[in-house]
Amino acid sequence: MEIESARCECCGLKEDCTQDYINDVKAKFDGKWLCGLCSEAVRDEVSRSKKKQFGVEEAVEAHMSFCGKFRSNPAVRVADGMRQLLRRSGDNSPSSKKLTRSATTNCTNSY
């Protein structure tokens, strides 16, 4: 089982996943790879907007737009950098744990 790195097309989160899992996610979201959090947000948007006939493609585009607003904000980028710095400095301690999804998803998360 080969592991590859995939980056969420909404928020930019990088995850190490199997190719089968990457293909499965892309098939569900019009060829775009989304992390678990963004995929849940898109599914939620689709389920809440059934009356408006809001499909997966429209929900993905809306969520990508939402994430883009935050990624382009300099304050958010600084906060993200600080979070990464703190995560790296915590990696040296024996009690630090890597963020992972459940075994069924075959992924680990990182920014």
PDB file of N, CA and C in Angstrom:
ATOM      1  N   MET A   1       0.850  -1.174   0.000  1.00  0.00           N
ATOM      2  CA  MET A   1       0.000   0.000   0.000  1.00  0.00           C
ATOM      3  C   MET A   1       0.898   1.241   0.000  1.00  0.00           C
ATOM      4  N   GLU A   2       0.844   2.001  -1.070  1.00  0.00           N
ATOM      5  CA  GLU A   2       1.690   3.189  -1.222  1.00  0.00           C
ATOM      6  C   GLU A   2       0.974   4.428  -0.700  1.00  0.00           C
ATOM      7  N   ILE A   3       1.704   5.260   0.036  1.00  0.00           N
ATOM      8  CA  ILE A   3       1.163   6.478   0.618  1.00  0.00           C
ATOM      9  C   ILE A   3       1.621   7.678  -0.207  1.00  0.00           C
ATOM     10  N   GLU A   4       0.682   8.576  -0.498  1.00  0.00           N
ATOM     11  CA  GLU A   4       0.985   9.806  -1.232  1.00  0.00           C
ATOM     12  C   GLU A   4       0.486  10.998  -0.441  1.00  0.00           C
ATOM     13  N   SER A   5       1.054  12.150  -0.708  1.00  0.00           N
ATOM     14  CA  SER A   5       0.630  13.381  -0.060  1.00  0.00           C
ATOM     15  C   SER A   5      -0.410  14.066  -0.942  1.00  0.00           C
ATOM     16  N   ALA A   6      -1.499  14.502  -0.309  1.00  0.00           N
ATOM     17  CA  ALA A   6      -2.555  15.221  -1.029  1.00  0.00           C
ATOM     18  C   ALA A   6      -2.842  16.515  -0.272  1.00  0.00           C
ATOM     19  N   ARG A   7      -3.063  17.590  -1.019  1.00  0.00           N
ATOM     20  CA  ARG A   7      -3.363  18.888  -0.411  1.00  0.00           C
ATOM     21  C   ARG A   7      -4.814  19.252  -0.708  1.00  0.00           C
ATOM     22  N   CYS A   8      -5.541  19.643   0.344  1.00  0.00           N
ATOM     23  CA  CYS A   8      -6.934  20.039   0.195  1.00  0.00           C
ATOM     24  C   CYS A   8      -7.015  21.259  -0.720  1.00  0.00           C
ATOM     25  N   GLU A   9      -7.893  21.200  -1.694  1.00  0.00           N
ATOM     26  CA  GLU A   9      -8.028  22.302  -2.641  1.00  0.00           C
ATOM     27  C   GLU A   9      -8.811  23.467  -2.063  1.00  0.00           C
ATOM     28  N   CYS A  10      -9.382  23.291  -0.865  1.00  0.00           N
ATOM     29  CA  CYS A  10     -10.086  24.386  -0.192  1.00  0.00           C
ATOM     30  C   CYS A  10      -9.174  25.093   0.806  1.00  0.00           C
ATOM     31  N   CYS A  11      -8.737  24.353   1.817  1.00  0.00           N
ATOM     32  CA  CYS A  11      -8.017  24.980   2.935  1.00  0.00           C
ATOM     33  C   CYS A  11      -6.508  24.815   2.875  1.00  0.00           C
ATOM     34  N   GLY A  12      -6.010  23.926   2.032  1.00  0.00           N
ATOM     35  CA  GLY A  12      -4.570  23.738   1.903  1.00  0.00           C
ATOM     36  C   GLY A  12      -3.971  22.701   2.834  1.00  0.00           C
ATOM     37  N   LEU A  13      -4.774  22.041   3.654  1.00  0.00           N
ATOM     38  CA  LEU A  13      -4.282  21.010   4.561  1.00  0.00           C
ATOM     39  C   LEU A  13      -3.669  19.874   3.753  1.00  0.00           C
ATOM     40  N   LYS A  14      -2.498  19.412   4.189  1.00  0.00           N
ATOM     41  CA  LYS A  14      -1.847  18.286   3.533  1.00  0.00           C
ATOM     42  C   LYS A  14      -2.091  17.027   4.341  1.00  0.00           C
ATOM     43  N   GLU A  15      -2.413  15.941   3.643  1.00  0.00           N
ATOM     44  CA  GLU A  15      -2.613  14.650   4.295  1.00  0.00           C
ATOM     45  C   GLU A  15      -1.878  13.584   3.506  1.00  0.00           C
ATOM     46  N   ASP A  16      -1.336  12.629   4.216  1.00  0.00           N
ATOM     47  CA  ASP A  16      -0.713  11.471   3.595  1.00  0.00           C
ATOM     48  C   ASP A  16      -1.759  10.376   3.542  1.00  0.00           C
ATOM     49  N   CYS A  17      -2.101   9.939   2.321  1.00  0.00           N
ATOM     50  CA  CYS A  17      -3.211   9.006   2.127  1.00  0.00           C
ATOM     51  C   CYS A  17      -2.829   7.942   1.100  1.00  0.00           C
ATOM     52  N   THR A  18      -3.605   6.877   1.083  1.00  0.00           N
ATOM     53  CA  THR A  18      -3.439   5.886   0.023  1.00  0.00           C
ATOM     54  C   THR A  18      -4.043   6.446  -1.262  1.00  0.00           C
ATOM     55  N   GLN A  19      -3.554   5.973  -2.392  1.00  0.00           N
ATOM     56  CA  GLN A  19      -4.078   6.434  -3.675  1.00  0.00           C
ATOM     57  C   GLN A  19      -5.546   6.075  -3.827  1.00  0.00           C
ATOM     58  N   ASP A  20      -5.958   4.925  -3.303  1.00  0.00           N
ATOM     59  CA  ASP A  20      -7.372   4.538  -3.371  1.00  0.00           C
ATOM     60  C   ASP A  20      -8.256   5.546  -2.650  1.00  0.00           C
ATOM     61  N   TYR A  21      -7.812   5.988  -1.473  1.00  0.00           N
ATOM     62  CA  TYR A  21      -8.596   6.962  -0.711  1.00  0.00           C
ATOM     63  C   TYR A  21      -8.646   8.304  -1.457  1.00  0.00           C
ATOM     64  N   ILE A  22      -7.530   8.728  -2.003  1.00  0.00           N
ATOM     65  CA  ILE A  22      -7.486   9.983  -2.765  1.00  0.00           C
ATOM     66  C   ILE A  22      -8.468   9.909  -3.935  1.00  0.00           C
ATOM     67  N   ASN A  23      -8.447   8.810  -4.663  1.00  0.00           N
ATOM     68  CA  ASN A  23      -9.354   8.646  -5.806  1.00  0.00           C
ATOM     69  C   ASN A  23     -10.808   8.637  -5.372  1.00  0.00           C
ATOM     70  N   ASP A  24     -11.097   7.993  -4.228  1.00  0.00           N
ATOM     71  CA  ASP A  24     -12.464   7.931  -3.709  1.00  0.00           C
ATOM     72  C   ASP A  24     -12.986   9.329  -3.372  1.00  0.00           C
ATOM     73  N   VAL A  25     -12.152  10.127  -2.708  1.00  0.00           N
ATOM     74  CA  VAL A  25     -12.564  11.492  -2.345  1.00  0.00           C
ATOM     75  C   VAL A  25     -12.770  12.337  -3.599  1.00  0.00           C
ATOM     76  N   LYS A  26     -11.846  12.244  -4.535  1.00  0.00           N
ATOM     77  CA  LYS A  26     -11.976  13.023  -5.770  1.00  0.00           C
ATOM     78  C   LYS A  26     -13.240  12.647  -6.539  1.00  0.00           C
ATOM     79  N   ALA A  27     -13.602  11.382  -6.513  1.00  0.00           N
ATOM     80  CA  ALA A  27     -14.816  10.942  -7.213  1.00  0.00           C
ATOM     81  C   ALA A  27     -16.071  11.557  -6.586  1.00  0.00           C
ATOM     82  N   LYS A  28     -16.040  11.784  -5.295  1.00  0.00           N
ATOM     83  CA  LYS A  28     -17.202  12.348  -4.603  1.00  0.00           C
ATOM     84  C   LYS A  28     -17.315  13.861  -4.768  1.00  0.00           C
ATOM     85  N   PHE A  29     -16.209  14.525  -5.082  1.00  0.00           N
ATOM     86  CA  PHE A  29     -16.206  15.991  -5.102  1.00  0.00           C
ATOM     87  C   PHE A  29     -15.721  16.552  -6.435  1.00  0.00           C
ATOM     88  N   ASP A  30     -16.252  16.028  -7.507  1.00  0.00           N
ATOM     89  CA  ASP A  30     -15.999  16.545  -8.854  1.00  0.00           C
ATOM     90  C   ASP A  30     -14.524  16.681  -9.191  1.00  0.00           C
ATOM     91  N   GLY A  31     -13.732  15.688  -8.808  1.00  0.00           N
ATOM     92  CA  GLY A  31     -12.317  15.667  -9.152  1.00  0.00           C
ATOM     93  C   GLY A  31     -11.423  16.482  -8.239  1.00  0.00           C
ATOM     94  N   LYS A  32     -11.982  17.097  -7.218  1.00  0.00           N
ATOM     95  CA  LYS A  32     -11.188  17.899  -6.278  1.00  0.00           C
ATOM     96  C   LYS A  32     -10.937  17.091  -5.022  1.00  0.00           C
ATOM     97  N   TRP A  33      -9.712  17.174  -4.499  1.00  0.00           N
ATOM     98  CA  TRP A  33      -9.413  16.480  -3.252  1.00  0.00           C
ATOM     99  C   TRP A  33      -9.668  17.423  -2.087  1.00  0.00           C
ATOM    100  N   LEU A  34     -10.508  17.004  -1.145  1.00  0.00           N
ATOM    101  CA  LEU A  34     -10.847  17.803   0.031  1.00  0.00           C
ATOM    102  C   LEU A  34     -10.466  17.040   1.291  1.00  0.00           C
ATOM    103  N   CYS A  35      -9.983  17.773   2.283  1.00  0.00           N
ATOM    104  CA  CYS A  35      -9.690  17.151   3.575  1.00  0.00           C
ATOM    105  C   CYS A  35     -11.004  16.756   4.243  1.00  0.00           C
ATOM    106  N   GLY A  36     -10.917  16.053   5.341  1.00  0.00           N
ATOM    107  CA  GLY A  36     -12.113  15.589   6.040  1.00  0.00           C
ATOM    108  C   GLY A  36     -13.012  16.715   6.498  1.00  0.00           C
ATOM    109  N   LEU A  37     -12.434  17.774   7.045  1.00  0.00           N
ATOM    110  CA  LEU A  37     -13.235  18.890   7.548  1.00  0.00           C
ATOM    111  C   LEU A  37     -13.961  19.607   6.403  1.00  0.00           C
ATOM    112  N   CYS A  38     -13.251  19.887   5.333  1.00  0.00           N
ATOM    113  CA  CYS A  38     -13.884  20.568   4.198  1.00  0.00           C
ATOM    114  C   CYS A  38     -14.930  19.681   3.524  1.00  0.00           C
ATOM    115  N   SER A  39     -14.657  18.379   3.428  1.00  0.00           N
ATOM    116  CA  SER A  39     -15.650  17.491   2.810  1.00  0.00           C
ATOM    117  C   SER A  39     -16.923  17.435   3.650  1.00  0.00           C
ATOM    118  N   GLU A  40     -16.781  17.463   4.976  1.00  0.00           N
ATOM    119  CA  GLU A  40     -17.970  17.495   5.839  1.00  0.00           C
ATOM    120  C   GLU A  40     -18.740  18.807   5.662  1.00  0.00           C
ATOM    121  N   ALA A  41     -18.015  19.921   5.526  1.00  0.00           N
ATOM    122  CA  ALA A  41     -18.671  21.215   5.323  1.00  0.00           C
ATOM    123  C   ALA A  41     -19.435  21.223   4.002  1.00  0.00           C
ATOM    124  N   VAL A  42     -18.858  20.638   2.961  1.00  0.00           N
ATOM    125  CA  VAL A  42     -19.528  20.577   1.655  1.00  0.00           C
ATOM    126  C   VAL A  42     -20.763  19.677   1.743  1.00  0.00           C
ATOM    127  N   ARG A  43     -20.620  18.519   2.376  1.00  0.00           N
ATOM    128  CA  ARG A  43     -21.779  17.618   2.526  1.00  0.00           C
ATOM    129  C   ARG A  43     -22.901  18.299   3.307  1.00  0.00           C
ATOM    130  N   ASP A  44     -22.524  19.023   4.355  1.00  0.00           N
ATOM    131  CA  ASP A  44     -23.518  19.734   5.156  1.00  0.00           C
ATOM    132  C   ASP A  44     -24.238  20.788   4.320  1.00  0.00           C
ATOM    133  N   GLU A  45     -23.489  21.508   3.508  1.00  0.00           N
ATOM    134  CA  GLU A  45     -24.081  22.537   2.650  1.00  0.00           C
ATOM    135  C   GLU A  45     -25.059  21.922   1.653  1.00  0.00           C
ATOM    136  N   VAL A  46     -24.686  20.797   1.076  1.00  0.00           N
ATOM    137  CA  VAL A  46     -25.566  20.123   0.113  1.00  0.00           C
ATOM    138  C   VAL A  46     -26.837  19.648   0.810  1.00  0.00           C
ATOM    139  N   SER A  47     -26.699  19.062   1.995  1.00  0.00           N
ATOM    140  CA  SER A  47     -27.882  18.534   2.682  1.00  0.00           C
ATOM    141  C   SER A  47     -28.815  19.641   3.164  1.00  0.00           C
ATOM    142  N   ARG A  48     -28.258  20.799   3.523  1.00  0.00           N
ATOM    143  CA  ARG A  48     -29.105  21.908   3.993  1.00  0.00           C
ATOM    144  C   ARG A  48     -29.777  22.640   2.848  1.00  0.00           C
ATOM    145  N   SER A  49     -29.278  22.509   1.650  1.00  0.00           N
ATOM    146  CA  SER A  49     -29.803  23.324   0.551  1.00  0.00           C
ATOM    147  C   SER A  49     -30.537  22.493  -0.499  1.00  0.00           C
ATOM    148  N   LYS A  50     -31.106  21.386  -0.111  1.00  0.00           N
ATOM    149  CA  LYS A  50     -31.823  20.543  -1.082  1.00  0.00           C
ATOM    150  C   LYS A  50     -32.973  21.286  -1.746  1.00  0.00           C
ATOM    151  N   LYS A  51     -33.572  22.227  -1.036  1.00  0.00           N
ATOM    152  CA  LYS A  51     -34.687  22.994  -1.608  1.00  0.00           C
ATOM    153  C   LYS A  51     -34.227  23.865  -2.773  1.00  0.00           C
ATOM    154  N   LYS A  52     -32.978  24.341  -2.702  1.00  0.00           N
ATOM    155  CA  LYS A  52     -32.452  25.236  -3.740  1.00  0.00           C
ATOM    156  C   LYS A  52     -31.745  24.489  -4.864  1.00  0.00           C
ATOM    157  N   GLN A  53     -31.734  23.152  -4.783  1.00  0.00           N
ATOM    158  CA  GLN A  53     -31.039  22.346  -5.783  1.00  0.00           C
ATOM    159  C   GLN A  53     -29.557  22.697  -5.859  1.00  0.00           C
ATOM    160  N   PHE A  54     -28.957  22.898  -4.715  1.00  0.00           N
ATOM    161  CA  PHE A  54     -27.539  23.213  -4.595  1.00  0.00           C
ATOM    162  C   PHE A  54     -26.775  21.901  -4.666  1.00  0.00           C
ATOM    163  N   GLY A  55     -26.056  21.661  -5.755  1.00  0.00           N
ATOM    164  CA  GLY A  55     -25.346  20.401  -5.936  1.00  0.00           C
ATOM    165  C   GLY A  55     -23.960  20.414  -5.323  1.00  0.00           C
ATOM    166  N   VAL A  56     -23.279  19.293  -5.466  1.00  0.00           N
ATOM    167  CA  VAL A  56     -21.943  19.142  -4.904  1.00  0.00           C
ATOM    168  C   VAL A  56     -20.984  20.158  -5.511  1.00  0.00           C
ATOM    169  N   GLU A  57     -21.048  20.330  -6.823  1.00  0.00           N
ATOM    170  CA  GLU A  57     -20.133  21.266  -7.480  1.00  0.00           C
ATOM    171  C   GLU A  57     -20.295  22.682  -6.938  1.00  0.00           C
ATOM    172  N   GLU A  58     -21.526  23.126  -6.776  1.00  0.00           N
ATOM    173  CA  GLU A  58     -21.775  24.475  -6.258  1.00  0.00           C
ATOM    174  C   GLU A  58     -21.329  24.588  -4.800  1.00  0.00           C
ATOM    175  N   ALA A  59     -21.564  23.530  -4.021  1.00  0.00           N
ATOM    176  CA  ALA A  59     -21.154  23.545  -2.614  1.00  0.00           C
ATOM    177  C   ALA A  59     -19.631  23.578  -2.488  1.00  0.00           C
ATOM    178  N   VAL A  60     -18.935  22.837  -3.341  1.00  0.00           N
ATOM    179  CA  VAL A  60     -17.464  22.851  -3.326  1.00  0.00           C
ATOM    180  C   VAL A  60     -16.961  24.247  -3.680  1.00  0.00           C
ATOM    181  N   GLU A  61     -17.514  24.846  -4.719  1.00  0.00           N
ATOM    182  CA  GLU A  61     -17.088  26.191  -5.124  1.00  0.00           C
ATOM    183  C   GLU A  61     -17.349  27.215  -4.021  1.00  0.00           C
ATOM    184  N   ALA A  62     -18.509  27.117  -3.366  1.00  0.00           N
ATOM    185  CA  ALA A  62     -18.835  28.052  -2.284  1.00  0.00           C
ATOM    186  C   ALA A  62     -17.863  27.878  -1.118  1.00  0.00           C
ATOM    187  N   HIS A  63     -17.549  26.630  -0.780  1.00  0.00           N
ATOM    188  CA  HIS A  63     -16.632  26.397   0.334  1.00  0.00           C
ATOM    189  C   HIS A  63     -15.204  26.825  -0.030  1.00  0.00           C
ATOM    190  N   MET A  64     -14.804  26.610  -1.276  1.00  0.00           N
ATOM    191  CA  MET A  64     -13.473  27.065  -1.711  1.00  0.00           C
ATOM    192  C   MET A  64     -13.375  28.584  -1.607  1.00  0.00           C
ATOM    193  N   SER A  65     -14.436  29.269  -1.954  1.00  0.00           N
ATOM    194  CA  SER A  65     -14.462  30.727  -1.847  1.00  0.00           C
ATOM    195  C   SER A  65     -14.353  31.154  -0.392  1.00  0.00           C
ATOM    196  N   PHE A  66     -15.094  30.475   0.487  1.00  0.00           N
ATOM    197  CA  PHE A  66     -15.053  30.767   1.914  1.00  0.00           C
ATOM    198  C   PHE A  66     -13.640  30.573   2.462  1.00  0.00           C
ATOM    199  N   CYS A  67     -13.015  29.449   2.146  1.00  0.00           N
ATOM    200  CA  CYS A  67     -11.652  29.175   2.627  1.00  0.00           C
ATOM    201  C   CYS A  67     -10.647  30.170   2.047  1.00  0.00           C
ATOM    202  N   GLY A  68     -10.845  30.564   0.800  1.00  0.00           N
ATOM    203  CA  GLY A  68      -9.937  31.509   0.159  1.00  0.00           C
ATOM    204  C   GLY A  68      -9.908  32.855   0.854  1.00  0.00           C
ATOM    205  N   LYS A  69     -11.035  33.274   1.401  1.00  0.00           N
ATOM    206  CA  LYS A  69     -11.083  34.552   2.122  1.00  0.00           C
ATOM    207  C   LYS A  69     -10.184  34.518   3.347  1.00  0.00           C
ATOM    208  N   PHE A  70     -10.161  33.383   4.031  1.00  0.00           N
ATOM    209  CA  PHE A  70      -9.351  33.284   5.238  1.00  0.00           C
ATOM    210  C   PHE A  70      -7.880  33.056   4.919  1.00  0.00           C
ATOM    211  N   ARG A  71      -7.592  32.322   3.867  1.00  0.00           N
ATOM    212  CA  ARG A  71      -6.189  32.073   3.508  1.00  0.00           C
ATOM    213  C   ARG A  71      -5.512  33.331   2.990  1.00  0.00           C
ATOM    214  N   SER A  72      -6.272  34.268   2.431  1.00  0.00           N
ATOM    215  CA  SER A  72      -5.676  35.479   1.892  1.00  0.00           C
ATOM    216  C   SER A  72      -5.502  36.562   2.952  1.00  0.00           C
ATOM    217  N   ASN A  73      -6.054  36.369   4.142  1.00  0.00           N
ATOM    218  CA  ASN A  73      -5.953  37.341   5.218  1.00  0.00           C
ATOM    219  C   ASN A  73      -4.587  37.223   5.893  1.00  0.00           C
ATOM    220  N   PRO A  74      -3.772  38.290   5.909  1.00  0.00           N
ATOM    221  CA  PRO A  74      -2.431  38.211   6.506  1.00  0.00           C
ATOM    222  C   PRO A  74      -2.449  37.791   7.974  1.00  0.00           C
ATOM    223  N   ALA A  75      -3.429  38.208   8.738  1.00  0.00           N
ATOM    224  CA  ALA A  75      -3.489  37.833  10.154  1.00  0.00           C
ATOM    225  C   ALA A  75      -3.672  36.324  10.308  1.00  0.00           C
ATOM    226  N   VAL A  76      -4.458  35.731   9.436  1.00  0.00           N
ATOM    227  CA  VAL A  76      -4.670  34.294   9.492  1.00  0.00           C
ATOM    228  C   VAL A  76      -3.385  33.565   9.117  1.00  0.00           C
ATOM    229  N   ARG A  77      -2.658  34.081   8.135  1.00  0.00           N
ATOM    230  CA  ARG A  77      -1.392  33.453   7.752  1.00  0.00           C
ATOM    231  C   ARG A  77      -0.380  33.511   8.890  1.00  0.00           C
ATOM    232  N   VAL A  78      -0.324  34.629   9.620  1.00  0.00           N
ATOM    233  CA  VAL A  78       0.584  34.739  10.766  1.00  0.00           C
ATOM    234  C   VAL A  78       0.179  33.735  11.841  1.00  0.00           C
ATOM    235  N   ALA A  79      -1.107  33.652  12.135  1.00  0.00           N
ATOM    236  CA  ALA A  79      -1.586  32.705  13.143  1.00  0.00           C
ATOM    237  C   ALA A  79      -1.289  31.267  12.722  1.00  0.00           C
ATOM    238  N   ASP A  80      -1.445  30.986  11.447  1.00  0.00           N
ATOM    239  CA  ASP A  80      -1.150  29.655  10.932  1.00  0.00           C
ATOM    240  C   ASP A  80       0.339  29.340  11.088  1.00  0.00           C
ATOM    241  N   GLY A  81       1.176  30.305  10.798  1.00  0.00           N
ATOM    242  CA  GLY A  81       2.615  30.120  10.968  1.00  0.00           C
ATOM    243  C   GLY A  81       2.995  29.863  12.417  1.00  0.00           C
ATOM    244  N   MET A  82       2.369  30.588  13.329  1.00  0.00           N
ATOM    245  CA  MET A  82       2.637  30.371  14.753  1.00  0.00           C
ATOM    246  C   MET A  82       2.188  28.971  15.175  1.00  0.00           C
ATOM    247  N   ARG A  83       1.047  28.522  14.673  1.00  0.00           N
ATOM    248  CA  ARG A  83       0.560  27.193  15.002  1.00  0.00           C
ATOM    249  C   ARG A  83       1.543  26.130  14.512  1.00  0.00           C
ATOM    250  N   GLN A  84       2.052  26.314  13.297  1.00  0.00           N
ATOM    251  CA  GLN A  84       3.023  25.362  12.760  1.00  0.00           C
ATOM    252  C   GLN A  84       4.298  25.357  13.598  1.00  0.00           C
ATOM    253  N   LEU A  85       4.750  26.533  13.991  1.00  0.00           N
ATOM    254  CA  LEU A  85       5.952  26.640  14.815  1.00  0.00           C
ATOM    255  C   LEU A  85       5.751  25.903  16.142  1.00  0.00           C
ATOM    256  N   LEU A  86       4.607  26.103  16.771  1.00  0.00           N
ATOM    257  CA  LEU A  86       4.331  25.432  18.038  1.00  0.00           C
ATOM    258  C   LEU A  86       4.226  23.917  17.869  1.00  0.00           C
ATOM    259  N   ARG A  87       3.638  23.493  16.772  1.00  0.00           N
ATOM    260  CA  ARG A  87       3.547  22.051  16.511  1.00  0.00           C
ATOM    261  C   ARG A  87       4.935  21.452  16.348  1.00  0.00           C
ATOM    262  N   ARG A  88       5.796  22.130  15.598  1.00  0.00           N
ATOM    263  CA  ARG A  88       7.155  21.616  15.383  1.00  0.00           C
ATOM    264  C   ARG A  88       7.943  21.565  16.682  1.00  0.00           C
ATOM    265  N   SER A  89       7.814  22.589  17.497  1.00  0.00           N
ATOM    266  CA  SER A  89       8.558  22.598  18.752  1.00  0.00           C
ATOM    267  C   SER A  89       8.033  21.521  19.698  1.00  0.00           C
ATOM    268  N   GLY A  90       6.766  21.161  19.588  1.00  0.00           N
ATOM    269  CA  GLY A  90       6.192  20.111  20.415  1.00  0.00           C
ATOM    270  C   GLY A  90       6.550  18.720  19.936  1.00  0.00           C
ATOM    271  N   ASP A  91       7.047  18.593  18.695  1.00  0.00           N
ATOM    272  CA  ASP A  91       7.401  17.282  18.153  1.00  0.00           C
ATOM    273  C   ASP A  91       8.569  16.645  18.891  1.00  0.00           C
ATOM    274  N   ASN A  92       9.367  17.427  19.606  1.00  0.00           N
ATOM    275  CA  ASN A  92      10.529  16.888  20.302  1.00  0.00           C
ATOM    276  C   ASN A  92      10.176  16.232  21.623  1.00  0.00           C
ATOM    277  N   SER A  93       8.988  16.498  22.127  1.00  0.00           N
ATOM    278  CA  SER A  93       8.611  15.921  23.417  1.00  0.00           C
ATOM    279  C   SER A  93       8.074  14.502  23.217  1.00  0.00           C
ATOM    280  N   PRO A  94       8.331  13.596  24.171  1.00  0.00           N
ATOM    281  CA  PRO A  94       7.853  12.219  24.018  1.00  0.00           C
ATOM    282  C   PRO A  94       6.342  12.101  24.066  1.00  0.00           C
ATOM    283  N   SER A  95       5.666  13.092  24.621  1.00  0.00           N
ATOM    284  CA  SER A  95       4.210  12.987  24.724  1.00  0.00           C
ATOM    285  C   SER A  95       3.485  13.545  23.512  1.00  0.00           C
ATOM    286  N   SER A  96       4.223  14.128  22.563  1.00  0.00           N
ATOM    287  CA  SER A  96       3.535  14.696  21.392  1.00  0.00           C
ATOM    288  C   SER A  96       2.992  13.581  20.513  1.00  0.00           C
ATOM    289  N   LYS A  97       1.835  13.845  19.928  1.00  0.00           N
ATOM    290  CA  LYS A  97       1.187  12.866  19.074  1.00  0.00           C
ATOM    291  C   LYS A  97       0.908  13.504  17.733  1.00  0.00           C
ATOM    292  N   LYS A  98       1.055  12.745  16.687  1.00  0.00           N
ATOM    293  CA  LYS A  98       0.746  13.210  15.349  1.00  0.00           C
ATOM    294  C   LYS A  98      -0.758  13.128  15.135  1.00  0.00           C
ATOM    295  N   LEU A  99      -1.341  14.151  14.521  1.00  0.00           N
ATOM    296  CA  LEU A  99      -2.773  14.119  14.227  1.00  0.00           C
ATOM    297  C   LEU A  99      -3.031  13.088  13.147  1.00  0.00           C
ATOM    298  N   THR A 100      -3.938  12.189  13.405  1.00  0.00           N
ATOM    299  CA  THR A 100      -4.276  11.184  12.405  1.00  0.00           C
ATOM    300  C   THR A 100      -5.772  10.991  12.351  1.00  0.00           C
ATOM    301  N   ARG A 101      -6.232  10.524  11.221  1.00  0.00           N
ATOM    302  CA  ARG A 101      -7.620  10.126  11.080  1.00  0.00           C
ATOM    303  C   ARG A 101      -7.732   8.692  11.538  1.00  0.00           C
ATOM    304  N   SER A 102      -8.937   8.208  11.583  1.00  0.00           N
ATOM    305  CA  SER A 102      -9.144   6.814  11.964  1.00  0.00           C
ATOM    306  C   SER A 102      -8.490   5.902  10.934  1.00  0.00           C
ATOM    307  N   ALA A 103      -8.255   4.678  11.314  1.00  0.00           N
ATOM    308  CA  ALA A 103      -7.571   3.718  10.445  1.00  0.00           C
ATOM    309  C   ALA A 103      -8.319   3.478   9.145  1.00  0.00           C
ATOM    310  N   THR A 104      -9.614   3.734   9.113  1.00  0.00           N
ATOM    311  CA  THR A 104     -10.391   3.458   7.908  1.00  0.00           C
ATOM    312  C   THR A 104     -10.131   4.454   6.800  1.00  0.00           C
ATOM    313  N   THR A 105      -9.591   5.632   7.109  1.00  0.00           N
ATOM    314  CA  THR A 105      -9.379   6.634   6.081  1.00  0.00           C
ATOM    315  C   THR A 105      -7.985   6.574   5.474  1.00  0.00           C
ATOM    316  N   ASN A 106      -7.042   5.922   6.159  1.00  0.00           N
ATOM    317  CA  ASN A 106      -5.671   5.778   5.666  1.00  0.00           C
ATOM    318  C   ASN A 106      -5.001   7.110   5.410  1.00  0.00           C
ATOM    319  N   CYS A 107      -5.134   8.083   6.335  1.00  0.00           N
ATOM    320  CA  CYS A 107      -4.546   9.407   6.154  1.00  0.00           C
ATOM    321  C   CYS A 107      -3.962   9.912   7.459  1.00  0.00           C
ATOM    322  N   THR A 108      -2.969  10.804   7.327  1.00  0.00           N
ATOM    323  CA  THR A 108      -2.490  11.597   8.460  1.00  0.00           C
ATOM    324  C   THR A 108      -2.510  13.041   8.036  1.00  0.00           C
ATOM    325  N   ASN A 109      -2.753  13.950   8.962  1.00  0.00           N
ATOM    326  CA  ASN A 109      -2.933  15.370   8.652  1.00  0.00           C
ATOM    327  C   ASN A 109      -1.684  16.173   8.953  1.00  0.00           C
ATOM    328  N   SER A 110      -1.456  17.213   8.164  1.00  0.00           N
ATOM    329  CA  SER A 110      -0.426  18.196   8.452  1.00  0.00           C
ATOM    330  C   SER A 110      -0.687  19.431   7.611  1.00  0.00           C
ATOM    331  N   TYR A 111      -0.134  20.559   8.024  1.00  0.00           N
ATOM    332  CA  TYR A 111      -0.264  21.787   7.223  1.00  0.00           C
ATOM    333  C   TYR A 111       1.036  22.074   6.545  1.00  0.00           C
TER     334      TYR A 111
END
